[in-house]
Amino acid sequence: MFLRIKSKFSAAHRLPAYDGDCSNLHGHTWKVVFEVQGPVQKSGMIYDFKLLKPLLKNALPDHKYLNDFIENPTAENICAYLFDKISALLKEKNLTLKTLEVWENEDAAAIKSK
């Protein structure tokens, strides 16, 4: 069984390897969709949403300059970075991050699945 949670964060970046406007400093309000898998516990839940939502939200780089920790912060590289970071957090809770979607805007997303 899966849980799906949506969240968002605002962050600035520039794409140093891009020949165009996105090589300039700019920002987005990124939407993130998490699909988390785990065993259903005796409680009837995989994990309490009340605990899972803040855990995931706090892992997002809200109001950060993404180039400080991602060399070329394309949507694809941001997705891969967050997938690895959040997978490690969830593993401690006996959960698996199956899919992560990072939406740059309402029409374009990068998606990573396990």
PDB file of N, CA and C in Angstrom:
ATOM      1  N   MET A   1       0.846  -1.174   0.000  1.00  0.00           N
ATOM      2  CA  MET A   1       0.000   0.000   0.000  1.00  0.00           C
ATOM      3  C   MET A   1       0.888   1.232   0.000  1.00  0.00           C
ATOM      4  N   PHE A   2       0.367   2.314  -0.558  1.00  0.00           N
ATOM      5  CA  PHE A   2       1.103   3.564  -0.669  1.00  0.00           C
ATOM      6  C   PHE A   2       0.351   4.685   0.040  1.00  0.00           C
ATOM      7  N   LEU A   3       1.108   5.660   0.473  1.00  0.00           N
ATOM      8  CA  LEU A   3       0.555   6.942   0.906  1.00  0.00           C
ATOM      9  C   LEU A   3       1.048   7.983  -0.081  1.00  0.00           C
ATOM     10  N   ARG A   4       0.209   8.926  -0.424  1.00  0.00           N
ATOM     11  CA  ARG A   4       0.614  10.025  -1.309  1.00  0.00           C
ATOM     12  C   ARG A   4       0.417  11.326  -0.557  1.00  0.00           C
ATOM     13  N   ILE A   5       1.475  12.116  -0.541  1.00  0.00           N
ATOM     14  CA  ILE A   5       1.448  13.401   0.153  1.00  0.00           C
ATOM     15  C   ILE A   5       1.975  14.473  -0.790  1.00  0.00           C
ATOM     16  N   LYS A   6       1.308  15.605  -0.803  1.00  0.00           N
ATOM     17  CA  LYS A   6       1.748  16.753  -1.589  1.00  0.00           C
ATOM     18  C   LYS A   6       2.267  17.825  -0.644  1.00  0.00           C
ATOM     19  N   SER A   7       3.279  18.533  -1.112  1.00  0.00           N
ATOM     20  CA  SER A   7       3.834  19.634  -0.340  1.00  0.00           C
ATOM     21  C   SER A   7       4.403  20.641  -1.327  1.00  0.00           C
ATOM     22  N   LYS A   8       4.971  21.715  -0.823  1.00  0.00           N
ATOM     23  CA  LYS A   8       5.619  22.688  -1.709  1.00  0.00           C
ATOM     24  C   LYS A   8       6.699  23.428  -0.948  1.00  0.00           C
ATOM     25  N   PHE A   9       7.589  24.023  -1.719  1.00  0.00           N
ATOM     26  CA  PHE A   9       8.629  24.870  -1.150  1.00  0.00           C
ATOM     27  C   PHE A   9       8.998  25.928  -2.183  1.00  0.00           C
ATOM     28  N   SER A  10       9.514  27.030  -1.691  1.00  0.00           N
ATOM     29  CA  SER A  10       9.990  28.109  -2.560  1.00  0.00           C
ATOM     30  C   SER A  10      11.504  28.146  -2.482  1.00  0.00           C
ATOM     31  N   ALA A  11      12.144  28.265  -3.645  1.00  0.00           N
ATOM     32  CA  ALA A  11      13.608  28.296  -3.668  1.00  0.00           C
ATOM     33  C   ALA A  11      14.082  28.971  -4.948  1.00  0.00           C
ATOM     34  N   ALA A  12      15.286  29.535  -4.851  1.00  0.00           N
ATOM     35  CA  ALA A  12      15.921  30.183  -6.004  1.00  0.00           C
ATOM     36  C   ALA A  12      17.025  29.285  -6.545  1.00  0.00           C
ATOM     37  N   HIS A  13      17.298  29.480  -7.829  1.00  0.00           N
ATOM     38  CA  HIS A  13      18.415  28.764  -8.443  1.00  0.00           C
ATOM     39  C   HIS A  13      18.781  29.458  -9.744  1.00  0.00           C
ATOM     40  N   ARG A  14      19.876  28.995 -10.311  1.00  0.00           N
ATOM     41  CA  ARG A  14      20.264  29.368 -11.662  1.00  0.00           C
ATOM     42  C   ARG A  14      20.871  28.135 -12.284  1.00  0.00           C
ATOM     43  N   LEU A  15      20.762  28.021 -13.590  1.00  0.00           N
ATOM     44  CA  LEU A  15      21.278  26.849 -14.288  1.00  0.00           C
ATOM     45  C   LEU A  15      22.552  27.239 -15.038  1.00  0.00           C
ATOM     46  N   PRO A  16      23.717  26.973 -14.436  1.00  0.00           N
ATOM     47  CA  PRO A  16      24.976  27.423 -15.028  1.00  0.00           C
ATOM     48  C   PRO A  16      25.308  26.753 -16.360  1.00  0.00           C
ATOM     49  N   ALA A  17      24.757  25.578 -16.629  1.00  0.00           N
ATOM     50  CA  ALA A  17      25.063  24.871 -17.872  1.00  0.00           C
ATOM     51  C   ALA A  17      24.010  25.112 -18.952  1.00  0.00           C
ATOM     52  N   TYR A  18      23.114  26.048 -18.714  1.00  0.00           N
ATOM     53  CA  TYR A  18      22.009  26.304 -19.633  1.00  0.00           C
ATOM     54  C   TYR A  18      22.266  27.585 -20.408  1.00  0.00           C
ATOM     55  N   ASP A  19      22.038  27.550 -21.713  1.00  0.00           N
ATOM     56  CA  ASP A  19      22.215  28.732 -22.557  1.00  0.00           C
ATOM     57  C   ASP A  19      20.847  29.374 -22.780  1.00  0.00           C
ATOM     58  N   GLY A  20      20.478  30.266 -21.876  1.00  0.00           N
ATOM     59  CA  GLY A  20      19.185  30.920 -21.971  1.00  0.00           C
ATOM     60  C   GLY A  20      18.870  31.640 -20.676  1.00  0.00           C
ATOM     61  N   ASP A  21      17.646  32.120 -20.580  1.00  0.00           N
ATOM     62  CA  ASP A  21      17.237  32.929 -19.431  1.00  0.00           C
ATOM     63  C   ASP A  21      17.402  32.215 -18.089  1.00  0.00           C
ATOM     64  N   CYS A  22      17.263  30.907 -18.067  1.00  0.00           N
ATOM     65  CA  CYS A  22      17.346  30.175 -16.798  1.00  0.00           C
ATOM     66  C   CYS A  22      18.765  30.117 -16.230  1.00  0.00           C
ATOM     67  N   SER A  23      19.733  30.628 -16.984  1.00  0.00           N
ATOM     68  CA  SER A  23      21.083  30.736 -16.421  1.00  0.00           C
ATOM     69  C   SER A  23      21.166  31.906 -15.447  1.00  0.00           C
ATOM     70  N   ASN A  24      20.160  32.777 -15.481  1.00  0.00           N
ATOM     71  CA  ASN A  24      20.080  33.899 -14.539  1.00  0.00           C
ATOM     72  C   ASN A  24      19.370  33.448 -13.257  1.00  0.00           C
ATOM     73  N   LEU A  25      19.667  34.119 -12.171  1.00  0.00           N
ATOM     74  CA  LEU A  25      19.021  33.836 -10.901  1.00  0.00           C
ATOM     75  C   LEU A  25      17.508  34.038 -11.019  1.00  0.00           C
ATOM     76  N   HIS A  26      16.760  33.046 -10.580  1.00  0.00           N
ATOM     77  CA  HIS A  26      15.294  33.118 -10.569  1.00  0.00           C
ATOM     78  C   HIS A  26      14.770  32.113  -9.551  1.00  0.00           C
ATOM     79  N   GLY A  27      13.493  32.154  -9.288  1.00  0.00           N
ATOM     80  CA  GLY A  27      12.926  31.253  -8.296  1.00  0.00           C
ATOM     81  C   GLY A  27      11.630  30.628  -8.748  1.00  0.00           C
ATOM     82  N   HIS A  28      11.225  29.623  -8.001  1.00  0.00           N
ATOM     83  CA  HIS A  28       9.981  28.906  -8.253  1.00  0.00           C
ATOM     84  C   HIS A  28       9.343  28.562  -6.914  1.00  0.00           C
ATOM     85  N   THR A  29       8.058  28.333  -6.959  1.00  0.00           N
ATOM     86  CA  THR A  29       7.394  27.632  -5.881  1.00  0.00           C
ATOM     87  C   THR A  29       7.197  26.220  -6.410  1.00  0.00           C
ATOM     88  N   TRP A  30       8.023  25.316  -5.893  1.00  0.00           N
ATOM     89  CA  TRP A  30       8.057  23.932  -6.353  1.00  0.00           C
ATOM     90  C   TRP A  30       6.979  23.132  -5.635  1.00  0.00           C
ATOM     91  N   LYS A  31       6.265  22.302  -6.381  1.00  0.00           N
ATOM     92  CA  LYS A  31       5.327  21.368  -5.770  1.00  0.00           C
ATOM     93  C   LYS A  31       6.017  20.004  -5.737  1.00  0.00           C
ATOM     94  N   VAL A  32       5.860  19.287  -4.644  1.00  0.00           N
ATOM     95  CA  VAL A  32       6.478  17.972  -4.484  1.00  0.00           C
ATOM     96  C   VAL A  32       5.386  16.970  -4.137  1.00  0.00           C
ATOM     97  N   VAL A  33       5.403  15.831  -4.818  1.00  0.00           N
ATOM     98  CA  VAL A  33       4.467  14.749  -4.536  1.00  0.00           C
ATOM     99  C   VAL A  33       5.294  13.526  -4.135  1.00  0.00           C
ATOM    100  N   PHE A  34       5.017  13.016  -2.945  1.00  0.00           N
ATOM    101  CA  PHE A  34       5.715  11.859  -2.399  1.00  0.00           C
ATOM    102  C   PHE A  34       4.796  10.644  -2.455  1.00  0.00           C
ATOM    103  N   GLU A  35       5.314   9.501  -2.872  1.00  0.00           N
ATOM    104  CA  GLU A  35       4.608   8.234  -2.722  1.00  0.00           C
ATOM    105  C   GLU A  35       5.454   7.370  -1.803  1.00  0.00           C
ATOM    106  N   VAL A  36       4.894   7.068  -0.662  1.00  0.00           N
ATOM    107  CA  VAL A  36       5.602   6.339   0.386  1.00  0.00           C
ATOM    108  C   VAL A  36       4.935   4.982   0.564  1.00  0.00           C
ATOM    109  N   GLN A  37       5.758   3.946   0.625  1.00  0.00           N
ATOM    110  CA  GLN A  37       5.248   2.594   0.795  1.00  0.00           C
ATOM    111  C   GLN A  37       5.729   2.021   2.119  1.00  0.00           C
ATOM    112  N   GLY A  38       4.877   1.219   2.718  1.00  0.00           N
ATOM    113  CA  GLY A  38       5.252   0.550   3.951  1.00  0.00           C
ATOM    114  C   GLY A  38       4.179  -0.447   4.348  1.00  0.00           C
ATOM    115  N   PRO A  39       4.482  -1.266   5.328  1.00  0.00           N
ATOM    116  CA  PRO A  39       3.485  -2.241   5.788  1.00  0.00           C
ATOM    117  C   PRO A  39       2.387  -1.557   6.601  1.00  0.00           C
ATOM    118  N   VAL A  40       1.185  -2.061   6.465  1.00  0.00           N
ATOM    119  CA  VAL A  40       0.080  -1.561   7.289  1.00  0.00           C
ATOM    120  C   VAL A  40       0.277  -2.120   8.701  1.00  0.00           C
ATOM    121  N   GLN A  41       0.297  -1.225   9.661  1.00  0.00           N
ATOM    122  CA  GLN A  41       0.532  -1.582  11.064  1.00  0.00           C
ATOM    123  C   GLN A  41      -0.771  -2.035  11.733  1.00  0.00           C
ATOM    124  N   LYS A  42      -0.654  -2.488  12.961  1.00  0.00           N
ATOM    125  CA  LYS A  42      -1.838  -2.909  13.725  1.00  0.00           C
ATOM    126  C   LYS A  42      -2.850  -1.779  13.864  1.00  0.00           C
ATOM    127  N   SER A  43      -2.369  -0.543  13.816  1.00  0.00           N
ATOM    128  CA  SER A  43      -3.241   0.629  13.915  1.00  0.00           C
ATOM    129  C   SER A  43      -4.137   0.773  12.688  1.00  0.00           C
ATOM    130  N   GLY A  44      -3.814   0.022  11.620  1.00  0.00           N
ATOM    131  CA  GLY A  44      -4.554   0.167  10.374  1.00  0.00           C
ATOM    132  C   GLY A  44      -3.927   1.184   9.444  1.00  0.00           C
ATOM    133  N   MET A  45      -2.830   1.805   9.883  1.00  0.00           N
ATOM    134  CA  MET A  45      -2.143   2.825   9.095  1.00  0.00           C
ATOM    135  C   MET A  45      -0.748   2.342   8.717  1.00  0.00           C
ATOM    136  N   ILE A  46      -0.249   2.848   7.599  1.00  0.00           N
ATOM    137  CA  ILE A  46       1.155   2.642   7.256  1.00  0.00           C
ATOM    138  C   ILE A  46       2.003   3.504   8.184  1.00  0.00           C
ATOM    139  N   TYR A  47       1.601   4.754   8.308  1.00  0.00           N
ATOM    140  CA  TYR A  47       2.290   5.717   9.182  1.00  0.00           C
ATOM    141  C   TYR A  47       1.334   6.882   9.370  1.00  0.00           C
ATOM    142  N   ASP A  48       1.322   7.470  10.509  1.00  0.00           N
ATOM    143  CA  ASP A  48       0.405   8.556  10.826  1.00  0.00           C
ATOM    144  C   ASP A  48       0.709   9.785   9.970  1.00  0.00           C
ATOM    145  N   PHE A  49      -0.268  10.234   9.186  1.00  0.00           N
ATOM    146  CA  PHE A  49      -0.098  11.444   8.362  1.00  0.00           C
ATOM    147  C   PHE A  49       0.364  12.625   9.211  1.00  0.00           C
ATOM    148  N   LYS A  50      -0.151  12.703  10.419  1.00  0.00           N
ATOM    149  CA  LYS A  50       0.182  13.815  11.325  1.00  0.00           C
ATOM    150  C   LYS A  50       1.686  13.868  11.600  1.00  0.00           C
ATOM    151  N   LEU A  51       2.360  12.718  11.575  1.00  0.00           N
ATOM    152  CA  LEU A  51       3.804  12.651  11.789  1.00  0.00           C
ATOM    153  C   LEU A  51       4.581  12.691  10.471  1.00  0.00           C
ATOM    154  N   LEU A  52       4.010  12.090   9.431  1.00  0.00           N
ATOM    155  CA  LEU A  52       4.711  11.993   8.151  1.00  0.00           C
ATOM    156  C   LEU A  52       4.790  13.329   7.414  1.00  0.00           C
ATOM    157  N   LYS A  53       3.712  14.081   7.419  1.00  0.00           N
ATOM    158  CA  LYS A  53       3.704  15.361   6.687  1.00  0.00           C
ATOM    159  C   LYS A  53       4.810  16.306   7.145  1.00  0.00           C
ATOM    160  N   PRO A  54       4.973  16.575   8.441  1.00  0.00           N
ATOM    161  CA  PRO A  54       6.052  17.484   8.846  1.00  0.00           C
ATOM    162  C   PRO A  54       7.447  16.901   8.603  1.00  0.00           C
ATOM    163  N   LEU A  55       7.585  15.591   8.706  1.00  0.00           N
ATOM    164  CA  LEU A  55       8.878  14.962   8.429  1.00  0.00           C
ATOM    165  C   LEU A  55       9.302  15.247   6.984  1.00  0.00           C
ATOM    166  N   LEU A  56       8.376  15.084   6.059  1.00  0.00           N
ATOM    167  CA  LEU A  56       8.664  15.332   4.653  1.00  0.00           C
ATOM    168  C   LEU A  56       8.845  16.819   4.376  1.00  0.00           C
ATOM    169  N   LYS A  57       7.973  17.635   4.918  1.00  0.00           N
ATOM    170  CA  LYS A  57       8.040  19.085   4.700  1.00  0.00           C
ATOM    171  C   LYS A  57       9.370  19.658   5.196  1.00  0.00           C
ATOM    172  N   ASN A  58       9.827  19.207   6.353  1.00  0.00           N
ATOM    173  CA  ASN A  58      11.080  19.719   6.920  1.00  0.00           C
ATOM    174  C   ASN A  58      12.307  19.297   6.126  1.00  0.00           C
ATOM    175  N   ALA A  59      12.182  18.282   5.288  1.00  0.00           N
ATOM    176  CA  ALA A  59      13.305  17.827   4.455  1.00  0.00           C
ATOM    177  C   ALA A  59      13.458  18.664   3.187  1.00  0.00           C
ATOM    178  N   LEU A  60      12.482  19.522   2.913  1.00  0.00           N
ATOM    179  CA  LEU A  60      12.524  20.336   1.688  1.00  0.00           C
ATOM    180  C   LEU A  60      13.341  21.606   1.901  1.00  0.00           C
ATOM    181  N   PRO A  61      14.033  22.058   0.861  1.00  0.00           N
ATOM    182  CA  PRO A  61      14.902  23.240   0.979  1.00  0.00           C
ATOM    183  C   PRO A  61      14.136  24.563   0.806  1.00  0.00           C
ATOM    184  N   ASP A  62      13.211  24.825   1.707  1.00  0.00           N
ATOM    185  CA  ASP A  62      12.377  26.019   1.599  1.00  0.00           C
ATOM    186  C   ASP A  62      13.198  27.288   1.817  1.00  0.00           C
ATOM    187  N   HIS A  63      13.010  28.254   0.922  1.00  0.00           N
ATOM    188  CA  HIS A  63      13.680  29.550   0.962  1.00  0.00           C
ATOM    189  C   HIS A  63      15.207  29.418   0.985  1.00  0.00           C
ATOM    190  N   LYS A  64      15.702  28.536   0.139  1.00  0.00           N
ATOM    191  CA  LYS A  64      17.144  28.317   0.009  1.00  0.00           C
ATOM    192  C   LYS A  64      17.585  28.660  -1.415  1.00  0.00           C
ATOM    193  N   TYR A  65      18.892  28.820  -1.560  1.00  0.00           N
ATOM    194  CA  TYR A  65      19.513  28.970  -2.871  1.00  0.00           C
ATOM    195  C   TYR A  65      20.044  27.590  -3.244  1.00  0.00           C
ATOM    196  N   LEU A  66      19.387  26.931  -4.171  1.00  0.00           N
ATOM    197  CA  LEU A  66      19.663  25.533  -4.476  1.00  0.00           C
ATOM    198  C   LEU A  66      21.082  25.285  -4.983  1.00  0.00           C
ATOM    199  N   ASN A  67      21.690  26.273  -5.624  1.00  0.00           N
ATOM    200  CA  ASN A  67      23.054  26.117  -6.124  1.00  0.00           C
ATOM    201  C   ASN A  67      24.069  25.942  -5.000  1.00  0.00           C
ATOM    202  N   ASP A  68      23.704  26.294  -3.771  1.00  0.00           N
ATOM    203  CA  ASP A  68      24.621  26.115  -2.644  1.00  0.00           C
ATOM    204  C   ASP A  68      24.893  24.641  -2.350  1.00  0.00           C
ATOM    205  N   PHE A  69      23.974  23.739  -2.750  1.00  0.00           N
ATOM    206  CA  PHE A  69      24.187  22.322  -2.441  1.00  0.00           C
ATOM    207  C   PHE A  69      23.867  21.369  -3.586  1.00  0.00           C
ATOM    208  N   ILE A  70      23.424  21.900  -4.713  1.00  0.00           N
ATOM    209  CA  ILE A  70      23.242  21.102  -5.934  1.00  0.00           C
ATOM    210  C   ILE A  70      23.976  21.848  -7.041  1.00  0.00           C
ATOM    211  N   GLU A  71      24.999  21.209  -7.608  1.00  0.00           N
ATOM    212  CA  GLU A  71      25.871  21.900  -8.562  1.00  0.00           C
ATOM    213  C   GLU A  71      25.110  22.483  -9.754  1.00  0.00           C
ATOM    214  N   ASN A  72      24.236  21.714 -10.343  1.00  0.00           N
ATOM    215  CA  ASN A  72      23.447  22.163 -11.491  1.00  0.00           C
ATOM    216  C   ASN A  72      21.984  21.837 -11.190  1.00  0.00           C
ATOM    217  N   PRO A  73      21.280  22.736 -10.473  1.00  0.00           N
ATOM    218  CA  PRO A  73      19.957  22.409  -9.950  1.00  0.00           C
ATOM    219  C   PRO A  73      18.822  22.460 -10.981  1.00  0.00           C
ATOM    220  N   THR A  74      18.914  21.553 -11.947  1.00  0.00           N
ATOM    221  CA  THR A  74      17.790  21.343 -12.859  1.00  0.00           C
ATOM    222  C   THR A  74      16.683  20.640 -12.080  1.00  0.00           C
ATOM    223  N   ALA A  75      15.501  20.597 -12.626  1.00  0.00           N
ATOM    224  CA  ALA A  75      14.414  19.868 -11.968  1.00  0.00           C
ATOM    225  C   ALA A  75      14.811  18.413 -11.756  1.00  0.00           C
ATOM    226  N   GLU A  76      15.499  17.827 -12.731  1.00  0.00           N
ATOM    227  CA  GLU A  76      15.925  16.432 -12.618  1.00  0.00           C
ATOM    228  C   GLU A  76      16.916  16.246 -11.471  1.00  0.00           C
ATOM    229  N   ASN A  77      17.890  17.142 -11.365  1.00  0.00           N
ATOM    230  CA  ASN A  77      18.896  17.029 -10.298  1.00  0.00           C
ATOM    231  C   ASN A  77      18.312  17.333  -8.919  1.00  0.00           C
ATOM    232  N   ILE A  78      17.370  18.260  -8.850  1.00  0.00           N
ATOM    233  CA  ILE A  78      16.685  18.538  -7.583  1.00  0.00           C
ATOM    234  C   ILE A  78      15.891  17.307  -7.152  1.00  0.00           C
ATOM    235  N   CYS A  79      15.214  16.690  -8.094  1.00  0.00           N
ATOM    236  CA  CYS A  79      14.430  15.487  -7.804  1.00  0.00           C
ATOM    237  C   CYS A  79      15.335  14.372  -7.288  1.00  0.00           C
ATOM    238  N   ALA A  80      16.463  14.144  -7.945  1.00  0.00           N
ATOM    239  CA  ALA A  80      17.390  13.083  -7.517  1.00  0.00           C
ATOM    240  C   ALA A  80      17.958  13.380  -6.127  1.00  0.00           C
ATOM    241  N   TYR A  81      18.330  14.634  -5.882  1.00  0.00           N
ATOM    242  CA  TYR A  81      18.864  15.041  -4.574  1.00  0.00           C
ATOM    243  C   TYR A  81      17.840  14.787  -3.471  1.00  0.00           C
ATOM    244  N   LEU A  82      16.608  15.244  -3.698  1.00  0.00           N
ATOM    245  CA  LEU A  82      15.563  15.076  -2.689  1.00  0.00           C
ATOM    246  C   LEU A  82      15.191  13.609  -2.507  1.00  0.00           C
ATOM    247  N   PHE A  83      15.173  12.847  -3.592  1.00  0.00           N
ATOM    248  CA  PHE A  83      14.844  11.424  -3.491  1.00  0.00           C
ATOM    249  C   PHE A  83      15.832  10.717  -2.565  1.00  0.00           C
ATOM    250  N   ASP A  84      17.116  10.967  -2.772  1.00  0.00           N
ATOM    251  CA  ASP A  84      18.139  10.333  -1.935  1.00  0.00           C
ATOM    252  C   ASP A  84      18.036  10.774  -0.476  1.00  0.00           C
ATOM    253  N   LYS A  85      17.858  12.068  -0.269  1.00  0.00           N
ATOM    254  CA  LYS A  85      17.773  12.611   1.093  1.00  0.00           C
ATOM    255  C   LYS A  85      16.561  12.058   1.842  1.00  0.00           C
ATOM    256  N   ILE A  86      15.422  12.068   1.183  1.00  0.00           N
ATOM    257  CA  ILE A  86      14.183  11.655   1.832  1.00  0.00           C
ATOM    258  C   ILE A  86      14.121  10.134   1.977  1.00  0.00           C
ATOM    259  N   SER A  87      14.696   9.406   1.029  1.00  0.00           N
ATOM    260  CA  SER A  87      14.751   7.942   1.156  1.00  0.00           C
ATOM    261  C   SER A  87      15.479   7.538   2.429  1.00  0.00           C
ATOM    262  N   ALA A  88      16.573   8.217   2.722  1.00  0.00           N
ATOM    263  CA  ALA A  88      17.342   7.914   3.932  1.00  0.00           C
ATOM    264  C   ALA A  88      16.524   8.202   5.191  1.00  0.00           C
ATOM    265  N   LEU A  89      15.787   9.305   5.200  1.00  0.00           N
ATOM    266  CA  LEU A  89      14.935   9.625   6.357  1.00  0.00           C
ATOM    267  C   LEU A  89      13.842   8.582   6.568  1.00  0.00           C
ATOM    268  N   LEU A  90      13.228   8.166   5.475  1.00  0.00           N
ATOM    269  CA  LEU A  90      12.122   7.220   5.579  1.00  0.00           C
ATOM    270  C   LEU A  90      12.592   5.824   5.955  1.00  0.00           C
ATOM    271  N   LYS A  91      13.783   5.468   5.523  1.00  0.00           N
ATOM    272  CA  LYS A  91      14.318   4.144   5.859  1.00  0.00           C
ATOM    273  C   LYS A  91      14.384   3.958   7.374  1.00  0.00           C
ATOM    274  N   GLU A  92      14.712   5.045   8.085  1.00  0.00           N
ATOM    275  CA  GLU A  92      14.756   4.997   9.553  1.00  0.00           C
ATOM    276  C   GLU A  92      13.384   4.693  10.156  1.00  0.00           C
ATOM    277  N   LYS A  93      12.324   4.942   9.410  1.00  0.00           N
ATOM    278  CA  LYS A  93      10.951   4.722   9.882  1.00  0.00           C
ATOM    279  C   LYS A  93      10.347   3.442   9.299  1.00  0.00           C
ATOM    280  N   ASN A  94      11.179   2.606   8.646  1.00  0.00           N
ATOM    281  CA  ASN A  94      10.731   1.380   7.992  1.00  0.00           C
ATOM    282  C   ASN A  94       9.761   1.673   6.852  1.00  0.00           C
ATOM    283  N   LEU A  95      10.002   2.789   6.159  1.00  0.00           N
ATOM    284  CA  LEU A  95       9.194   3.192   5.013  1.00  0.00           C
ATOM    285  C   LEU A  95      10.104   3.316   3.793  1.00  0.00           C
ATOM    286  N   THR A  96       9.493   3.225   2.613  1.00  0.00           N
ATOM    287  CA  THR A  96      10.239   3.339   1.361  1.00  0.00           C
ATOM    288  C   THR A  96       9.643   4.454   0.514  1.00  0.00           C
ATOM    289  N   LEU A  97      10.489   5.337   0.018  1.00  0.00           N
ATOM    290  CA  LEU A  97      10.043   6.340  -0.943  1.00  0.00           C
ATOM    291  C   LEU A  97      10.022   5.664  -2.310  1.00  0.00           C
ATOM    292  N   LYS A  98       8.846   5.461  -2.861  1.00  0.00           N
ATOM    293  CA  LYS A  98       8.710   4.765  -4.146  1.00  0.00           C
ATOM    294  C   LYS A  98       8.804   5.740  -5.314  1.00  0.00           C
ATOM    295  N   THR A  99       8.172   6.894  -5.178  1.00  0.00           N
ATOM    296  CA  THR A  99       8.168   7.876  -6.262  1.00  0.00           C
ATOM    297  C   THR A  99       8.208   9.273  -5.673  1.00  0.00           C
ATOM    298  N   LEU A 100       8.964  10.132  -6.338  1.00  0.00           N
ATOM    299  CA  LEU A 100       9.009  11.546  -5.965  1.00  0.00           C
ATOM    300  C   LEU A 100       8.832  12.362  -7.229  1.00  0.00           C
ATOM    301  N   GLU A 101       7.898  13.296  -7.192  1.00  0.00           N
ATOM    302  CA  GLU A 101       7.674  14.218  -8.306  1.00  0.00           C
ATOM    303  C   GLU A 101       8.043  15.616  -7.833  1.00  0.00           C
ATOM    304  N   VAL A 102       8.820  16.317  -8.633  1.00  0.00           N
ATOM    305  CA  VAL A 102       9.161  17.706  -8.349  1.00  0.00           C
ATOM    306  C   VAL A 102       8.638  18.542  -9.514  1.00  0.00           C
ATOM    307  N   TRP A 103       7.624  19.347  -9.227  1.00  0.00           N
ATOM    308  CA  TRP A 103       6.969  20.172 -10.234  1.00  0.00           C
ATOM    309  C   TRP A 103       7.546  21.587 -10.195  1.00  0.00           C
ATOM    310  N   GLU A 104       8.171  21.986 -11.291  1.00  0.00           N
ATOM    311  CA  GLU A 104       8.728  23.333 -11.412  1.00  0.00           C
ATOM    312  C   GLU A 104       7.618  24.366 -11.599  1.00  0.00           C
ATOM    313  N   ASN A 105       6.595  23.970 -12.312  1.00  0.00           N
ATOM    314  CA  ASN A 105       5.397  24.790 -12.497  1.00  0.00           C
ATOM    315  C   ASN A 105       4.242  23.822 -12.738  1.00  0.00           C
ATOM    316  N   GLU A 106       3.067  24.331 -13.026  1.00  0.00           N
ATOM    317  CA  GLU A 106       1.908  23.451 -13.135  1.00  0.00           C
ATOM    318  C   GLU A 106       1.951  22.533 -14.355  1.00  0.00           C
ATOM    319  N   ASP A 107       2.885  22.782 -15.274  1.00  0.00           N
ATOM    320  CA  ASP A 107       2.946  22.010 -16.518  1.00  0.00           C
ATOM    321  C   ASP A 107       4.171  21.117 -16.662  1.00  0.00           C
ATOM    322  N   ALA A 108       5.137  21.189 -15.735  1.00  0.00           N
ATOM    323  CA  ALA A 108       6.406  20.490 -15.955  1.00  0.00           C
ATOM    324  C   ALA A 108       6.961  19.915 -14.645  1.00  0.00           C
ATOM    325  N   ALA A 109       7.294  18.612 -14.701  1.00  0.00           N
ATOM    326  CA  ALA A 109       7.807  17.932 -13.512  1.00  0.00           C
ATOM    327  C   ALA A 109       8.918  16.967 -13.880  1.00  0.00           C
ATOM    328  N   ALA A 110       9.788  16.707 -12.911  1.00  0.00           N
ATOM    329  CA  ALA A 110      10.756  15.613 -12.987  1.00  0.00           C
ATOM    330  C   ALA A 110      10.291  14.567 -11.987  1.00  0.00           C
ATOM    331  N   ILE A 111      10.403  13.298 -12.368  1.00  0.00           N
ATOM    332  CA  ILE A 111       9.896  12.217 -11.535  1.00  0.00           C
ATOM    333  C   ILE A 111      10.965  11.142 -11.403  1.00  0.00           C
ATOM    334  N   LYS A 112      11.178  10.704 -10.166  1.00  0.00           N
ATOM    335  CA  LYS A 112      12.097   9.605  -9.917  1.00  0.00           C
ATOM    336  C   LYS A 112      11.347   8.526  -9.160  1.00  0.00           C
ATOM    337  N   SER A 113      11.533   7.279  -9.592  1.00  0.00           N
ATOM    338  CA  SER A 113      10.904   6.131  -8.941  1.00  0.00           C
ATOM    339  C   SER A 113      11.977   5.131  -8.555  1.00  0.00           C
ATOM    340  N   LYS A 114      11.659   4.378  -7.533  1.00  0.00           N
ATOM    341  CA  LYS A 114      12.567   3.317  -7.099  1.00  0.00           C
ATOM    342  C   LYS A 114      12.300   2.082  -7.912  1.00  0.00           C
TER     343      LYS A 114
END
